[in-house]
Amino acid sequence: MLTIKWKGAVTGNIGGKEYAGRAHFTQSAVSYSGERVVTNGSGDEGFAVPGTGNTSNTIGSFAGGSTLTAYTSDTASALTGACNRKKGVEHLALTGTFTHGVVTTYTDPSISSPLAITVGPDGALWFTNQGNNSIGRITTAGVVSSYTDPSIVGSEGIAAGPDGALWFTSFDGHSIGRITTAGVSSNYTDPSITGPGGITAGPDGALWFTDSNDSIGRITTAGVISSYTDPSITGPVGITVGADGALWFTNFNQFTHDGHSIGRITTAGAISNYTDPSIVGPLRITAGPDGALWFTNSYDAIGRITTAGDISEYTDPGIVGQEGITAGLDGALWFTNGDGNSIGRVTP
């Protein structure tokens, strides 16, 4: 089996399939032939992919007969130049079936309007089912389980806790839930919890969550609940841990459509707030590989805020009604496009 690894913003046509950006995939069965190009100076090797008549499809390097590493677009351009000069060109034959980008969907009668998903301590994926008030579990082999409890009502966010259990929010149940990997549920209520949404494990060993009642909540693994309010907290939605050890959250009151800011709260409860004209309807937020926080703006933009409060915005026709966002293993940010029915990717 030939393993292929991509790095950098490169594009190309391989075996009749278009590939772009960062990816990792393997091949094993179908033949492909191309050209191997030895570049000037560095001695690196690469190959040009035929099929479109465009030498800009020159991508990557081939070495040792087993691993291909695609370089950045700058290096790809250098390889293109070498190809155009036809220096050191050799025939290269690869065999394989490309499996990168293959999407598999899993259905089960127990899956109903799934919302949030996280990796559990057991290696399975755990998710919230809003449609039937349950917590779902799916193995990487696609085996689905479902857990119900009268206390699970309108479950939204879910996160792995430091105690080896999964913690989730029940928006309609006005509570925080806990479920072990064996499916045993617990439930925690408090007058301060009215409409919990996002939840994340904090650096202090507790779980932190947003509440639509304009507050940020905290619950220890023993079930002790605290609540933090501030005039700047308006309908918080997403929450995550920043590189600075604080909790960062989005403010967007989806009922009154105000707020439009990014908040920060330390584990001691000190609150800061950041506004900018580019922040419009922020929803989900995640820590990026660059040390900044990245968030989705509900009006077709991706936002970025540093821990110092510097804000940037990124727009593109491919960003349409996005909501969820997370950091990928390839060093990019991946997000969901609800209106575009697609998955998007943005480099830091």
C-alpha atoms as a PDB file:
ATOM      1  CA  MET A   1       0.000   0.000   0.000  1.00  0.00           C
ATOM      2  CA  LEU A   2       1.278   3.455  -0.929  1.00  0.00           C
ATOM      3  CA  THR A   3       0.673   6.146   1.669  1.00  0.00           C
ATOM      4  CA  ILE A   4       0.191   9.719   0.461  1.00  0.00           C
ATOM      5  CA  LYS A   5       0.501  12.773   2.678  1.00  0.00           C
ATOM      6  CA  TRP A   6      -0.336  16.313   1.647  1.00  0.00           C
ATOM      7  CA  LYS A   7       0.970  19.506   3.209  1.00  0.00           C
ATOM      8  CA  GLY A   8       0.191  23.076   2.254  1.00  0.00           C
ATOM      9  CA  ALA A   9      -2.214  24.823  -0.105  1.00  0.00           C
ATOM     10  CA  VAL A  10      -1.676  22.780  -3.261  1.00  0.00           C
ATOM     11  CA  THR A  11      -4.080  21.538  -5.924  1.00  0.00           C
ATOM     12  CA  GLY A  12      -4.058  18.863  -8.572  1.00  0.00           C
ATOM     13  CA  ASN A  13      -5.886  16.210 -10.542  1.00  0.00           C
ATOM     14  CA  ILE A  14      -5.038  12.649  -9.581  1.00  0.00           C
ATOM     15  CA  GLY A  15      -6.621   9.650 -11.224  1.00  0.00           C
ATOM     16  CA  GLY A  16      -9.415  11.842 -12.589  1.00  0.00           C
ATOM     17  CA  LYS A  17     -10.251  13.240  -9.148  1.00  0.00           C
ATOM     18  CA  GLU A  18      -9.594  16.800  -8.085  1.00  0.00           C
ATOM     19  CA  TYR A  19      -7.814  17.373  -4.769  1.00  0.00           C
ATOM     20  CA  ALA A  20      -7.046  20.659  -3.092  1.00  0.00           C
ATOM     21  CA  GLY A  21      -5.627  21.881   0.191  1.00  0.00           C
ATOM     22  CA  ARG A  22      -4.496  19.745   3.084  1.00  0.00           C
ATOM     23  CA  ALA A  23      -5.393  16.108   3.293  1.00  0.00           C
ATOM     24  CA  HIS A  24      -4.202  12.629   4.195  1.00  0.00           C
ATOM     25  CA  PHE A  25      -5.232   9.544   2.312  1.00  0.00           C
ATOM     26  CA  THR A  26      -4.074   6.148   1.094  1.00  0.00           C
ATOM     27  CA  GLN A  27      -4.267   4.263  -2.178  1.00  0.00           C
ATOM     28  CA  SER A  28      -4.185   0.561  -2.910  1.00  0.00           C
ATOM     29  CA  ALA A  29      -5.735  -0.770  -6.128  1.00  0.00           C
ATOM     30  CA  VAL A  30      -6.103   1.352  -9.285  1.00  0.00           C
ATOM     31  CA  SER A  31      -3.269   2.259 -11.680  1.00  0.00           C
ATOM     32  CA  TYR A  32      -2.097   5.835 -12.253  1.00  0.00           C
ATOM     33  CA  SER A  33       0.852   7.086 -14.298  1.00  0.00           C
ATOM     34  CA  GLY A  34       2.541  10.447 -14.298  1.00  0.00           C
ATOM     35  CA  GLU A  35       5.950  12.076 -14.538  1.00  0.00           C
ATOM     36  CA  ARG A  36       8.681  12.379 -11.956  1.00  0.00           C
ATOM     37  CA  VAL A  37      10.537  15.669 -12.079  1.00  0.00           C
ATOM     38  CA  VAL A  38      13.942  16.390 -10.544  1.00  0.00           C
ATOM     39  CA  THR A  39      14.103  20.080  -9.660  1.00  0.00           C
ATOM     40  CA  ASN A  40      17.196  22.248  -9.943  1.00  0.00           C
ATOM     41  CA  GLY A  41      19.198  23.020  -6.849  1.00  0.00           C
ATOM     42  CA  SER A  42      17.391  21.193  -4.042  1.00  0.00           C
ATOM     43  CA  GLY A  43      17.470  17.722  -5.584  1.00  0.00           C
ATOM     44  CA  ASP A  44      13.898  17.155  -4.458  1.00  0.00           C
ATOM     45  CA  GLU A  45      11.732  14.996  -6.664  1.00  0.00           C
ATOM     46  CA  GLY A  46       8.124  15.522  -7.628  1.00  0.00           C
ATOM     47  CA  PHE A  47       5.584  14.501 -10.224  1.00  0.00           C
ATOM     48  CA  ALA A  48       3.378  16.268 -12.717  1.00  0.00           C
ATOM     49  CA  VAL A  49      -0.165  14.995 -12.990  1.00  0.00           C
ATOM     50  CA  PRO A  50      -1.400  14.678 -16.586  1.00  0.00           C
ATOM     51  CA  GLY A  51      -5.006  14.933 -17.699  1.00  0.00           C
ATOM     52  CA  THR A  52      -5.803  18.654 -17.908  1.00  0.00           C
ATOM     53  CA  GLY A  53      -2.924  19.922 -20.034  1.00  0.00           C
ATOM     54  CA  ASN A  54      -2.093  22.431 -17.328  1.00  0.00           C
ATOM     55  CA  THR A  55       1.411  22.219 -15.876  1.00  0.00           C
ATOM     56  CA  SER A  56       0.189  23.995 -12.750  1.00  0.00           C
ATOM     57  CA  ASN A  57      -1.020  20.551 -11.735  1.00  0.00           C
ATOM     58  CA  THR A  58       2.575  19.710 -10.880  1.00  0.00           C
ATOM     59  CA  ILE A  59       2.475  18.845  -7.210  1.00  0.00           C
ATOM     60  CA  GLY A  60       4.421  17.093  -4.551  1.00  0.00           C
ATOM     61  CA  SER A  61       7.524  15.014  -4.206  1.00  0.00           C
ATOM     62  CA  PHE A  62       8.132  11.326  -4.492  1.00  0.00           C
ATOM     63  CA  ALA A  63      10.934   9.710  -2.560  1.00  0.00           C
ATOM     64  CA  GLY A  64      11.919   6.268  -1.384  1.00  0.00           C
ATOM     65  CA  GLY A  65       9.210   4.530  -3.388  1.00  0.00           C
ATOM     66  CA  SER A  66       6.640   4.727  -0.598  1.00  0.00           C
ATOM     67  CA  THR A  67       5.726   8.232   0.543  1.00  0.00           C
ATOM     68  CA  LEU A  68       4.597  11.266  -1.386  1.00  0.00           C
ATOM     69  CA  THR A  69       4.675  14.643   0.351  1.00  0.00           C
ATOM     70  CA  ALA A  70       3.072  17.581  -1.407  1.00  0.00           C
ATOM     71  CA  TYR A  71       4.752  20.892  -0.689  1.00  0.00           C
ATOM     72  CA  THR A  72       3.417  24.437  -0.447  1.00  0.00           C
ATOM     73  CA  SER A  73       2.184  26.305  -3.509  1.00  0.00           C
ATOM     74  CA  ASP A  74       5.540  28.102  -3.768  1.00  0.00           C
ATOM     75  CA  THR A  75       7.421  24.833  -4.054  1.00  0.00           C
ATOM     76  CA  ALA A  76       4.754  23.524  -6.416  1.00  0.00           C
ATOM     77  CA  SER A  77       5.440  26.500  -8.668  1.00  0.00           C
ATOM     78  CA  ALA A  78       9.152  25.652  -8.657  1.00  0.00           C
ATOM     79  CA  LEU A  79       8.308  22.096  -9.645  1.00  0.00           C
ATOM     80  CA  THR A  80       6.142  23.427 -12.452  1.00  0.00           C
ATOM     81  CA  GLY A  81       9.087  25.414 -13.797  1.00  0.00           C
ATOM     82  CA  ALA A  82      11.248  22.307 -13.774  1.00  0.00           C
ATOM     83  CA  CYS A  83       8.554  20.412 -15.598  1.00  0.00           C
ATOM     84  CA  ASN A  84       8.259  23.104 -18.243  1.00  0.00           C
ATOM     85  CA  ARG A  85      11.995  22.893 -18.889  1.00  0.00           C
ATOM     86  CA  LYS A  86      11.671  19.113 -19.142  1.00  0.00           C
ATOM     87  CA  LYS A  87      14.807  18.561 -17.061  1.00  0.00           C
ATOM     88  CA  GLY A  88      15.226  15.253 -15.301  1.00  0.00           C
ATOM     89  CA  VAL A  89      11.808  13.958 -16.332  1.00  0.00           C
ATOM     90  CA  GLU A  90      11.228  10.264 -15.724  1.00  0.00           C
ATOM     91  CA  HIS A  91       8.138   8.143 -16.077  1.00  0.00           C
ATOM     92  CA  LEU A  92       6.485   7.275 -12.778  1.00  0.00           C
ATOM     93  CA  ALA A  93       3.789   4.657 -12.292  1.00  0.00           C
ATOM     94  CA  LEU A  94       1.674   4.594  -9.141  1.00  0.00           C
ATOM     95  CA  THR A  95      -1.058   2.127  -8.331  1.00  0.00           C
ATOM     96  CA  GLY A  96      -3.899   2.715  -5.950  1.00  0.00           C
ATOM     97  CA  THR A  97      -7.447   3.684  -5.148  1.00  0.00           C
ATOM     98  CA  PHE A  98      -7.688   7.102  -3.567  1.00  0.00           C
ATOM     99  CA  THR A  99      -9.783   7.054  -0.420  1.00  0.00           C
ATOM    100  CA  HIS A 100      -9.255  10.664   0.679  1.00  0.00           C
ATOM    101  CA  GLY A 101     -12.490  12.598   0.914  1.00  0.00           C
ATOM    102  CA  VAL A 102     -14.715   9.547   0.953  1.00  0.00           C
ATOM    103  CA  VAL A 103     -17.788  10.364   3.011  1.00  0.00           C
ATOM    104  CA  THR A 104     -19.652   7.665   4.873  1.00  0.00           C
ATOM    105  CA  THR A 105     -22.958   8.345   6.593  1.00  0.00           C
ATOM    106  CA  TYR A 106     -24.505   6.219   9.274  1.00  0.00           C
ATOM    107  CA  THR A 107     -28.202   6.017   9.935  1.00  0.00           C
ATOM    108  CA  ASP A 108     -30.102   4.442  12.788  1.00  0.00           C
ATOM    109  CA  PRO A 109     -33.690   4.801  14.034  1.00  0.00           C
ATOM    110  CA  SER A 110     -32.296   6.219  17.277  1.00  0.00           C
ATOM    111  CA  ILE A 111     -30.572   9.152  15.545  1.00  0.00           C
ATOM    112  CA  SER A 112     -32.916  12.140  15.506  1.00  0.00           C
ATOM    113  CA  SER A 113     -31.783  15.714  14.818  1.00  0.00           C
ATOM    114  CA  PRO A 114     -28.231  15.255  16.135  1.00  0.00           C
ATOM    115  CA  LEU A 115     -26.519  18.490  17.134  1.00  0.00           C
ATOM    116  CA  ALA A 116     -23.219  18.453  19.005  1.00  0.00           C
ATOM    117  CA  ILE A 117     -20.605  15.688  18.859  1.00  0.00           C
ATOM    118  CA  THR A 118     -17.380  14.961  20.703  1.00  0.00           C
ATOM    119  CA  VAL A 119     -14.796  12.220  21.104  1.00  0.00           C
ATOM    120  CA  GLY A 120     -15.349  10.172  24.239  1.00  0.00           C
ATOM    121  CA  PRO A 121     -12.679   8.680  26.517  1.00  0.00           C
ATOM    122  CA  ASP A 122     -13.637   5.244  25.157  1.00  0.00           C
ATOM    123  CA  GLY A 123     -12.624   6.192  21.607  1.00  0.00           C
ATOM    124  CA  ALA A 124     -16.220   6.372  20.374  1.00  0.00           C
ATOM    125  CA  LEU A 125     -18.077   9.498  19.268  1.00  0.00           C
ATOM    126  CA  TRP A 126     -20.825  10.788  21.547  1.00  0.00           C
ATOM    127  CA  PHE A 127     -23.522  13.160  20.361  1.00  0.00           C
ATOM    128  CA  THR A 128     -26.732  14.872  21.410  1.00  0.00           C
ATOM    129  CA  ASN A 129     -30.057  13.994  19.797  1.00  0.00           C
ATOM    130  CA  GLN A 130     -32.444  16.929  20.007  1.00  0.00           C
ATOM    131  CA  GLY A 131     -35.207  15.163  18.132  1.00  0.00           C
ATOM    132  CA  ASN A 132     -35.805  12.360  20.637  1.00  0.00           C
ATOM    133  CA  ASN A 133     -34.152  13.630  23.819  1.00  0.00           C
ATOM    134  CA  SER A 134     -31.323  11.145  23.938  1.00  0.00           C
ATOM    135  CA  ILE A 135     -27.555  10.832  23.983  1.00  0.00           C
ATOM    136  CA  GLY A 136     -26.076   8.847  21.130  1.00  0.00           C
ATOM    137  CA  ARG A 137     -22.853   6.917  20.773  1.00  0.00           C
ATOM    138  CA  ILE A 138     -21.250   5.666  17.577  1.00  0.00           C
ATOM    139  CA  THR A 139     -18.081   3.647  17.241  1.00  0.00           C
ATOM    140  CA  THR A 140     -15.633   4.316  14.422  1.00  0.00           C
ATOM    141  CA  ALA A 141     -16.996   1.110  12.881  1.00  0.00           C
ATOM    142  CA  GLY A 142     -20.457   2.687  12.752  1.00  0.00           C
ATOM    143  CA  VAL A 143     -22.156   0.793  15.576  1.00  0.00           C
ATOM    144  CA  VAL A 144     -24.789   3.071  17.119  1.00  0.00           C
ATOM    145  CA  SER A 145     -26.144   3.066  20.663  1.00  0.00           C
ATOM    146  CA  SER A 146     -28.682   5.375  22.256  1.00  0.00           C
ATOM    147  CA  TYR A 147     -29.297   6.337  25.872  1.00  0.00           C
ATOM    148  CA  THR A 148     -32.440   7.953  27.206  1.00  0.00           C
ATOM    149  CA  ASP A 149     -33.405   9.342  30.568  1.00  0.00           C
ATOM    150  CA  PRO A 150     -36.317  11.539  31.713  1.00  0.00           C
ATOM    151  CA  SER A 151     -33.773  14.231  32.579  1.00  0.00           C
ATOM    152  CA  ILE A 152     -32.457  14.461  28.998  1.00  0.00           C
ATOM    153  CA  VAL A 153     -34.683  17.089  27.418  1.00  0.00           C
ATOM    154  CA  GLY A 154     -33.534  19.152  24.457  1.00  0.00           C
ATOM    155  CA  SER A 155     -29.881  18.180  24.775  1.00  0.00           C
ATOM    156  CA  GLU A 156     -27.497  20.559  23.003  1.00  0.00           C
ATOM    157  CA  GLY A 157     -23.794  20.666  23.837  1.00  0.00           C
ATOM    158  CA  ILE A 158     -21.600  17.748  24.876  1.00  0.00           C
ATOM    159  CA  ALA A 159     -18.002  17.466  26.031  1.00  0.00           C
ATOM    160  CA  ALA A 160     -15.697  14.885  27.543  1.00  0.00           C
ATOM    161  CA  GLY A 161     -15.035  15.619  31.198  1.00  0.00           C
ATOM    162  CA  PRO A 162     -11.834  15.085  33.164  1.00  0.00           C
ATOM    163  CA  ASP A 163     -13.589  12.356  35.176  1.00  0.00           C
ATOM    164  CA  GLY A 164     -13.899   9.997  32.201  1.00  0.00           C
ATOM    165  CA  ALA A 165     -17.605  10.727  31.656  1.00  0.00           C
ATOM    166  CA  LEU A 166     -19.480  12.799  29.069  1.00  0.00           C
ATOM    167  CA  TRP A 167     -21.148  16.014  30.190  1.00  0.00           C
ATOM    168  CA  PHE A 168     -23.985  17.623  28.252  1.00  0.00           C
ATOM    169  CA  THR A 169     -26.481  20.443  28.438  1.00  0.00           C
ATOM    170  CA  SER A 170     -30.256  19.931  28.484  1.00  0.00           C
ATOM    171  CA  PHE A 171     -31.672  23.186  27.170  1.00  0.00           C
ATOM    172  CA  ASP A 172     -35.328  22.356  27.685  1.00  0.00           C
ATOM    173  CA  GLY A 173     -34.609  20.447  30.869  1.00  0.00           C
ATOM    174  CA  HIS A 174     -32.774  23.432  32.387  1.00  0.00           C
ATOM    175  CA  SER A 175     -30.012  21.186  33.646  1.00  0.00           C
ATOM    176  CA  ILE A 176     -26.533  19.767  33.141  1.00  0.00           C
ATOM    177  CA  GLY A 177     -26.291  16.055  32.504  1.00  0.00           C
ATOM    178  CA  ARG A 178     -23.556  13.498  32.936  1.00  0.00           C
ATOM    179  CA  ILE A 179     -23.358  10.085  31.317  1.00  0.00           C
ATOM    180  CA  THR A 180     -20.730   7.433  31.833  1.00  0.00           C
ATOM    181  CA  THR A 181     -19.376   5.388  28.953  1.00  0.00           C
ATOM    182  CA  ALA A 182     -21.513   2.550  30.350  1.00  0.00           C
ATOM    183  CA  GLY A 183     -24.621   4.697  29.804  1.00  0.00           C
ATOM    184  CA  VAL A 184     -25.405   5.620  33.416  1.00  0.00           C
ATOM    185  CA  SER A 185     -26.924   9.115  33.576  1.00  0.00           C
ATOM    186  CA  SER A 186     -26.914  11.753  36.288  1.00  0.00           C
ATOM    187  CA  ASN A 187     -28.566  15.145  36.275  1.00  0.00           C
ATOM    188  CA  TYR A 188     -27.785  18.430  37.990  1.00  0.00           C
ATOM    189  CA  THR A 189     -30.171  21.331  38.389  1.00  0.00           C
ATOM    190  CA  ASP A 190     -29.838  24.756  39.910  1.00  0.00           C
ATOM    191  CA  PRO A 191     -31.999  27.913  39.855  1.00  0.00           C
ATOM    192  CA  SER A 192     -29.202  29.616  37.913  1.00  0.00           C
ATOM    193  CA  ILE A 193     -29.530  27.149  34.990  1.00  0.00           C
ATOM    194  CA  THR A 194     -32.380  28.013  32.616  1.00  0.00           C
ATOM    195  CA  GLY A 195     -31.234  27.349  29.044  1.00  0.00           C
ATOM    196  CA  PRO A 196     -27.725  25.862  28.854  1.00  0.00           C
ATOM    197  CA  GLY A 197     -26.141  25.569  25.398  1.00  0.00           C
ATOM    198  CA  GLY A 198     -22.446  25.077  24.733  1.00  0.00           C
ATOM    199  CA  ILE A 199     -20.206  23.207  27.175  1.00  0.00           C
ATOM    200  CA  THR A 200     -16.468  22.580  27.424  1.00  0.00           C
ATOM    201  CA  ALA A 201     -13.962  21.151  29.852  1.00  0.00           C
ATOM    202  CA  GLY A 202     -12.097  23.973  31.585  1.00  0.00           C
ATOM    203  CA  PRO A 203      -8.423  24.094  32.562  1.00  0.00           C
ATOM    204  CA  ASP A 204      -9.467  24.005  36.233  1.00  0.00           C
ATOM    205  CA  GLY A 205     -10.971  20.512  36.047  1.00  0.00           C
ATOM    206  CA  ALA A 206     -14.568  21.788  35.921  1.00  0.00           C
ATOM    207  CA  LEU A 207     -17.056  22.032  33.056  1.00  0.00           C
ATOM    208  CA  TRP A 208     -18.007  25.487  31.802  1.00  0.00           C
ATOM    209  CA  PHE A 209     -21.182  26.213  29.871  1.00  0.00           C
ATOM    210  CA  THR A 210     -23.162  29.023  28.321  1.00  0.00           C
ATOM    211  CA  ASP A 211     -26.718  29.818  29.357  1.00  0.00           C
ATOM    212  CA  SER A 212     -29.310  31.760  27.369  1.00  0.00           C
ATOM    213  CA  ASN A 213     -30.200  33.666  30.539  1.00  0.00           C
ATOM    214  CA  ASP A 214     -27.122  35.831  29.917  1.00  0.00           C
ATOM    215  CA  SER A 215     -24.724  33.946  32.126  1.00  0.00           C
ATOM    216  CA  ILE A 216     -21.734  31.626  32.074  1.00  0.00           C
ATOM    217  CA  GLY A 217     -22.031  28.565  34.254  1.00  0.00           C
ATOM    218  CA  ARG A 218     -19.495  26.283  35.889  1.00  0.00           C
ATOM    219  CA  ILE A 219     -20.046  22.818  37.303  1.00  0.00           C
ATOM    220  CA  THR A 220     -17.496  20.673  39.074  1.00  0.00           C
ATOM    221  CA  THR A 221     -17.380  16.922  38.526  1.00  0.00           C
ATOM    222  CA  ALA A 222     -18.947  16.677  42.002  1.00  0.00           C
ATOM    223  CA  GLY A 223     -21.946  18.690  40.788  1.00  0.00           C
ATOM    224  CA  VAL A 224     -21.193  22.016  42.489  1.00  0.00           C
ATOM    225  CA  ILE A 225     -22.608  24.804  40.316  1.00  0.00           C
ATOM    226  CA  SER A 226     -21.562  28.449  40.015  1.00  0.00           C
ATOM    227  CA  SER A 227     -22.913  31.175  37.769  1.00  0.00           C
ATOM    228  CA  TYR A 228     -21.303  34.348  36.453  1.00  0.00           C
ATOM    229  CA  THR A 229     -23.184  37.316  35.070  1.00  0.00           C
ATOM    230  CA  ASP A 230     -22.132  40.604  33.552  1.00  0.00           C
ATOM    231  CA  PRO A 231     -23.941  43.261  31.472  1.00  0.00           C
ATOM    232  CA  SER A 232     -21.705  42.302  28.532  1.00  0.00           C
ATOM    233  CA  ILE A 233     -22.942  38.678  28.518  1.00  0.00           C
ATOM    234  CA  THR A 234     -25.914  38.618  26.150  1.00  0.00           C
ATOM    235  CA  GLY A 235     -27.270  35.285  24.987  1.00  0.00           C
ATOM    236  CA  PRO A 236     -23.965  33.354  24.939  1.00  0.00           C
ATOM    237  CA  VAL A 237     -23.814  30.345  22.605  1.00  0.00           C
ATOM    238  CA  GLY A 238     -20.407  28.726  22.025  1.00  0.00           C
ATOM    239  CA  ILE A 239     -17.597  28.323  24.546  1.00  0.00           C
ATOM    240  CA  THR A 240     -14.047  26.992  24.433  1.00  0.00           C
ATOM    241  CA  VAL A 241     -10.708  27.177  26.245  1.00  0.00           C
ATOM    242  CA  GLY A 242      -8.158  29.625  24.887  1.00  0.00           C
ATOM    243  CA  ALA A 243      -4.392  29.319  24.762  1.00  0.00           C
ATOM    244  CA  ASP A 244      -4.264  31.800  27.655  1.00  0.00           C
ATOM    245  CA  GLY A 245      -6.103  29.424  29.991  1.00  0.00           C
ATOM    246  CA  ALA A 246      -9.303  31.471  29.987  1.00  0.00           C
ATOM    247  CA  LEU A 247     -12.741  30.533  28.655  1.00  0.00           C
ATOM    248  CA  TRP A 248     -13.810  32.342  25.479  1.00  0.00           C
ATOM    249  CA  PHE A 249     -17.421  32.505  24.375  1.00  0.00           C
ATOM    250  CA  THR A 250     -19.691  34.071  21.778  1.00  0.00           C
ATOM    251  CA  ASN A 251     -22.448  36.530  22.604  1.00  0.00           C
ATOM    252  CA  PHE A 252     -25.439  36.413  20.277  1.00  0.00           C
ATOM    253  CA  ASN A 253     -28.918  36.538  21.665  1.00  0.00           C
ATOM    254  CA  GLN A 254     -30.716  34.534  18.993  1.00  0.00           C
ATOM    255  CA  PHE A 255     -34.078  35.741  20.260  1.00  0.00           C
ATOM    256  CA  THR A 256     -33.443  39.483  20.328  1.00  0.00           C
ATOM    257  CA  HIS A 257     -30.503  39.394  17.865  1.00  0.00           C
ATOM    258  CA  ASP A 258     -28.269  41.601  19.955  1.00  0.00           C
ATOM    259  CA  GLY A 259     -24.963  41.113  21.750  1.00  0.00           C
ATOM    260  CA  HIS A 260     -22.645  40.520  18.799  1.00  0.00           C
ATOM    261  CA  SER A 261     -19.419  40.226  20.749  1.00  0.00           C
ATOM    262  CA  ILE A 262     -16.759  37.802  21.950  1.00  0.00           C
ATOM    263  CA  GLY A 263     -16.446  37.332  25.696  1.00  0.00           C
ATOM    264  CA  ARG A 264     -13.673  36.040  27.902  1.00  0.00           C
ATOM    265  CA  ILE A 265     -13.895  34.761  31.453  1.00  0.00           C
ATOM    266  CA  THR A 266     -11.057  33.583  33.649  1.00  0.00           C
ATOM    267  CA  THR A 267     -11.436  30.617  35.951  1.00  0.00           C
ATOM    268  CA  ALA A 268     -11.607  33.195  38.749  1.00  0.00           C
ATOM    269  CA  GLY A 269     -14.668  34.774  37.121  1.00  0.00           C
ATOM    270  CA  ALA A 270     -13.094  37.958  35.710  1.00  0.00           C
ATOM    271  CA  ILE A 271     -14.969  38.927  32.525  1.00  0.00           C
ATOM    272  CA  SER A 272     -13.840  40.873  29.459  1.00  0.00           C
ATOM    273  CA  ASN A 273     -15.764  41.687  26.290  1.00  0.00           C
ATOM    274  CA  TYR A 274     -14.642  42.455  22.751  1.00  0.00           C
ATOM    275  CA  THR A 275     -16.746  44.113  20.067  1.00  0.00           C
ATOM    276  CA  ASP A 276     -16.100  44.947  16.441  1.00  0.00           C
ATOM    277  CA  PRO A 277     -18.328  45.880  13.482  1.00  0.00           C
ATOM    278  CA  SER A 278     -17.283  42.628  11.801  1.00  0.00           C
ATOM    279  CA  ILE A 279     -18.782  40.518  14.601  1.00  0.00           C
ATOM    280  CA  VAL A 280     -22.367  39.829  13.593  1.00  0.00           C
ATOM    281  CA  GLY A 281     -24.233  36.944  15.149  1.00  0.00           C
ATOM    282  CA  PRO A 282     -21.292  34.875  16.434  1.00  0.00           C
ATOM    283  CA  LEU A 283     -22.239  31.281  17.176  1.00  0.00           C
ATOM    284  CA  ARG A 284     -19.554  28.638  17.759  1.00  0.00           C
ATOM    285  CA  ILE A 285     -15.943  29.197  18.781  1.00  0.00           C
ATOM    286  CA  THR A 286     -12.803  27.100  18.937  1.00  0.00           C
ATOM    287  CA  ALA A 287      -9.122  27.460  19.762  1.00  0.00           C
ATOM    288  CA  GLY A 288      -6.987  27.602  16.625  1.00  0.00           C
ATOM    289  CA  PRO A 289      -3.528  26.119  16.063  1.00  0.00           C
ATOM    290  CA  ASP A 290      -2.159  29.668  15.832  1.00  0.00           C
ATOM    291  CA  GLY A 291      -3.061  30.471  19.446  1.00  0.00           C
ATOM    292  CA  ALA A 292      -6.029  32.631  18.443  1.00  0.00           C
ATOM    293  CA  LEU A 293      -9.754  31.943  18.805  1.00  0.00           C
ATOM    294  CA  TRP A 294     -11.783  31.325  15.648  1.00  0.00           C
ATOM    295  CA  PHE A 295     -15.533  31.716  15.480  1.00  0.00           C
ATOM    296  CA  THR A 296     -18.420  31.583  13.044  1.00  0.00           C
ATOM    297  CA  ASN A 297     -20.425  34.688  12.243  1.00  0.00           C
ATOM    298  CA  SER A 298     -23.963  33.735  11.332  1.00  0.00           C
ATOM    299  CA  TYR A 299     -23.831  36.217   8.441  1.00  0.00           C
ATOM    300  CA  ASP A 300     -21.418  34.381   6.150  1.00  0.00           C
ATOM    301  CA  ALA A 301     -18.024  35.109   7.654  1.00  0.00           C
ATOM    302  CA  ILE A 302     -15.352  33.460   9.775  1.00  0.00           C
ATOM    303  CA  GLY A 303     -13.915  35.554  12.581  1.00  0.00           C
ATOM    304  CA  ARG A 304     -10.606  35.397  14.415  1.00  0.00           C
ATOM    305  CA  ILE A 305      -9.645  37.032  17.704  1.00  0.00           C
ATOM    306  CA  THR A 306      -6.262  36.898  19.379  1.00  0.00           C
ATOM    307  CA  THR A 307      -5.946  36.565  23.132  1.00  0.00           C
ATOM    308  CA  ALA A 308      -4.952  40.258  23.063  1.00  0.00           C
ATOM    309  CA  GLY A 309      -8.317  41.124  21.501  1.00  0.00           C
ATOM    310  CA  ASP A 310      -7.223  41.821  17.907  1.00  0.00           C
ATOM    311  CA  ILE A 311     -10.053  40.870  15.544  1.00  0.00           C
ATOM    312  CA  SER A 312      -9.970  39.786  11.884  1.00  0.00           C
ATOM    313  CA  GLU A 313     -12.680  38.637   9.514  1.00  0.00           C
ATOM    314  CA  TYR A 314     -12.634  36.303   6.519  1.00  0.00           C
ATOM    315  CA  THR A 315     -15.335  36.164   3.866  1.00  0.00           C
ATOM    316  CA  ASP A 316     -15.714  33.981   0.799  1.00  0.00           C
ATOM    317  CA  PRO A 317     -18.581  32.892  -1.469  1.00  0.00           C
ATOM    318  CA  GLY A 318     -18.079  29.398  -0.051  1.00  0.00           C
ATOM    319  CA  ILE A 319     -18.966  30.566   3.463  1.00  0.00           C
ATOM    320  CA  VAL A 320     -22.750  30.254   3.627  1.00  0.00           C
ATOM    321  CA  GLY A 321     -24.729  30.063   6.859  1.00  0.00           C
ATOM    322  CA  GLN A 322     -21.942  28.474   8.849  1.00  0.00           C
ATOM    323  CA  GLU A 323     -22.324  27.429  12.472  1.00  0.00           C
ATOM    324  CA  GLY A 324     -19.931  24.833  13.870  1.00  0.00           C
ATOM    325  CA  ILE A 325     -16.147  25.230  13.774  1.00  0.00           C
ATOM    326  CA  THR A 326     -13.205  23.198  15.021  1.00  0.00           C
ATOM    327  CA  ALA A 327      -9.461  22.869  14.535  1.00  0.00           C
ATOM    328  CA  GLY A 328      -8.400  20.003  12.292  1.00  0.00           C
ATOM    329  CA  LEU A 329      -5.348  17.770  12.574  1.00  0.00           C
ATOM    330  CA  ASP A 330      -3.992  19.391   9.398  1.00  0.00           C
ATOM    331  CA  GLY A 331      -3.516  22.786  11.070  1.00  0.00           C
ATOM    332  CA  ALA A 332      -6.579  24.367   9.434  1.00  0.00           C
ATOM    333  CA  LEU A 333      -9.996  25.340  10.772  1.00  0.00           C
ATOM    334  CA  TRP A 334     -12.971  23.327   9.550  1.00  0.00           C
ATOM    335  CA  PHE A 335     -16.545  24.611   9.699  1.00  0.00           C
ATOM    336  CA  THR A 336     -20.066  23.594   8.756  1.00  0.00           C
ATOM    337  CA  ASN A 337     -22.091  25.506   6.154  1.00  0.00           C
ATOM    338  CA  GLY A 338     -25.717  25.033   7.102  1.00  0.00           C
ATOM    339  CA  ASP A 339     -27.141  26.956   4.150  1.00  0.00           C
ATOM    340  CA  GLY A 340     -24.601  25.638   1.681  1.00  0.00           C
ATOM    341  CA  ASN A 341     -24.900  22.018   2.815  1.00  0.00           C
ATOM    342  CA  SER A 342     -21.135  21.748   2.811  1.00  0.00           C
ATOM    343  CA  ILE A 343     -18.015  21.596   4.958  1.00  0.00           C
ATOM    344  CA  GLY A 344     -15.574  24.494   4.749  1.00  0.00           C
ATOM    345  CA  ARG A 345     -11.883  24.877   5.541  1.00  0.00           C
ATOM    346  CA  VAL A 346      -9.850  27.995   6.266  1.00  0.00           C
ATOM    347  CA  THR A 347      -6.111  28.195   6.903  1.00  0.00           C
ATOM    348  CA  PRO A 348      -4.834  30.287   9.833  1.00  0.00           C
END
